[in-house]
Amino acid sequence: MNVYVLLGAAIIFEVIGTMLLPASQNFTRVLPSIILLFAYTISFYCLAIVSQKLPLSIVYASWSGVGVFAVAILSFFFYKQILNWQTVIGLVLVVVGVTIINVFKTPV
């Protein structure tokens, strides 16, 4: 399987887990808590596989950077959290940073 597909899966499952943190209400609600733990487990499993194929710095920067961006955007829509202009600029810089890291990485 393509390593970037696995990285994408790791990011998606991490975002799902993170988005369910408020819904789990400190792990007192069973269904969101189970899905959250399952999502994080799948995310870390995919991340472990990807880390064997790509440099860890690339993997972690991509996983965390895209994850932070996605959670911030989804929180705006699902949890009505405010994104001020400073936050938007910071998110753009995160995406630019992850892009630069991936474009200029050394081949493995």
Protein backbone atom coordinates (compact mmCIF):
# COMPACT_ATOMS: atom_id res chain seq x y z
CA MET A 1 0.00 0.00 0.00
CA ASN A 2 1.20 3.50 -0.77
CA VAL A 3 2.94 5.06 2.22
CA TYR A 4 1.17 8.38 1.68
CA VAL A 5 -2.24 6.68 1.73
CA LEU A 6 -1.30 5.23 5.12
CA LEU A 7 -0.12 8.64 6.30
CA GLY A 8 -3.43 10.10 5.15
CA ALA A 9 -5.30 7.39 7.05
CA ALA A 10 -3.24 8.11 10.16
CA ILE A 11 -4.13 11.80 9.89
CA ILE A 12 -7.84 11.13 9.30
CA PHE A 13 -8.14 8.76 12.26
CA GLU A 14 -6.19 11.14 14.51
CA VAL A 15 -8.55 13.97 13.56
CA ILE A 16 -11.59 11.77 14.22
CA GLY A 17 -10.25 10.85 17.64
CA THR A 18 -9.41 14.42 18.52
CA MET A 19 -12.80 15.71 17.37
CA LEU A 20 -14.47 13.16 19.64
CA LEU A 21 -12.60 14.29 22.77
CA PRO A 22 -15.26 16.88 23.72
CA ALA A 23 -18.08 14.47 22.79
CA SER A 24 -16.66 11.81 25.11
CA GLN A 25 -17.11 14.20 28.07
CA ASN A 26 -13.96 13.03 29.86
CA PHE A 27 -14.60 9.43 28.81
CA THR A 28 -17.95 9.31 30.61
CA ARG A 29 -19.92 8.70 27.38
CA VAL A 30 -19.28 5.16 26.20
CA LEU A 31 -19.83 5.28 22.41
CA PRO A 32 -17.76 8.41 21.65
CA SER A 33 -15.03 7.09 23.98
CA ILE A 34 -14.87 3.71 22.22
CA ILE A 35 -14.75 5.32 18.77
CA LEU A 36 -12.13 7.79 19.99
CA LEU A 37 -9.87 5.03 21.32
CA PHE A 38 -10.36 2.96 18.17
CA ALA A 39 -9.52 5.97 15.97
CA TYR A 40 -6.34 6.74 17.92
CA THR A 41 -5.31 3.08 17.81
CA ILE A 42 -5.69 2.91 14.03
CA SER A 43 -3.93 6.26 13.67
CA PHE A 44 -0.91 5.16 15.68
CA TYR A 45 -0.79 1.80 13.91
CA CYS A 46 -0.70 3.52 10.49
CA LEU A 47 1.84 6.02 11.84
CA ALA A 48 4.09 3.19 13.03
CA ILE A 49 4.05 1.58 9.59
CA VAL A 50 4.71 4.89 7.83
CA SER A 51 7.58 5.72 10.18
CA GLN A 52 9.40 2.63 8.88
CA LYS A 53 9.21 3.91 5.29
CA LEU A 54 9.74 7.69 5.64
CA PRO A 55 11.92 9.82 7.91
CA LEU A 56 10.25 10.33 11.28
CA SER A 57 10.65 14.12 11.07
CA ILE A 58 8.67 14.17 7.81
CA VAL A 59 6.03 11.79 9.12
CA TYR A 60 5.48 13.61 12.40
CA ALA A 61 5.51 17.09 10.86
CA SER A 62 2.93 16.04 8.28
CA TRP A 63 0.77 14.11 10.75
CA SER A 64 0.70 16.78 13.42
CA GLY A 65 0.61 19.79 11.09
CA VAL A 66 -2.23 18.60 8.89
CA GLY A 67 -4.00 17.25 11.97
CA VAL A 68 -3.85 20.62 13.74
CA PHE A 69 -5.10 22.37 10.62
CA ALA A 70 -7.99 19.93 10.14
CA VAL A 71 -9.04 19.97 13.80
CA ALA A 72 -9.07 23.78 13.85
CA ILE A 73 -11.21 23.99 10.72
CA LEU A 74 -13.59 21.22 11.81
CA SER A 75 -13.90 22.74 15.30
CA PHE A 76 -15.06 25.95 13.66
CA PHE A 77 -17.90 24.09 11.93
CA PHE A 78 -18.85 21.44 14.51
CA TYR A 79 -18.12 23.17 17.82
CA LYS A 80 -18.61 26.78 16.66
CA GLN A 81 -15.15 27.74 17.89
CA ILE A 82 -13.93 31.12 16.70
CA LEU A 83 -11.00 31.43 14.31
CA ASN A 84 -9.59 34.94 14.51
CA TRP A 85 -7.22 36.32 11.89
CA GLN A 86 -4.16 35.42 13.96
CA THR A 87 -5.30 31.79 14.14
CA VAL A 88 -5.96 31.68 10.41
CA ILE A 89 -2.48 33.07 9.66
CA GLY A 90 -0.95 30.51 12.04
CA LEU A 91 -2.83 27.69 10.33
CA VAL A 92 -1.68 28.88 6.91
CA LEU A 93 1.90 28.94 8.20
CA VAL A 94 1.52 25.38 9.47
CA VAL A 95 0.37 24.22 6.03
CA VAL A 96 3.18 26.15 4.34
CA GLY A 97 5.70 24.61 6.74
CA VAL A 98 4.48 21.06 6.16
CA THR A 99 4.49 21.67 2.41
CA ILE A 100 8.07 22.98 2.47
CA ILE A 101 9.19 20.00 4.58
CA ASN A 102 7.64 17.55 2.12
CA VAL A 103 8.82 19.29 -1.04
CA PHE A 104 12.43 19.59 0.09
CA LYS A 105 12.80 16.25 1.87
CA THR A 106 15.77 14.09 1.00
CA PRO A 107 14.87 10.92 -0.88
CA VAL A 108 14.90 7.69 1.10
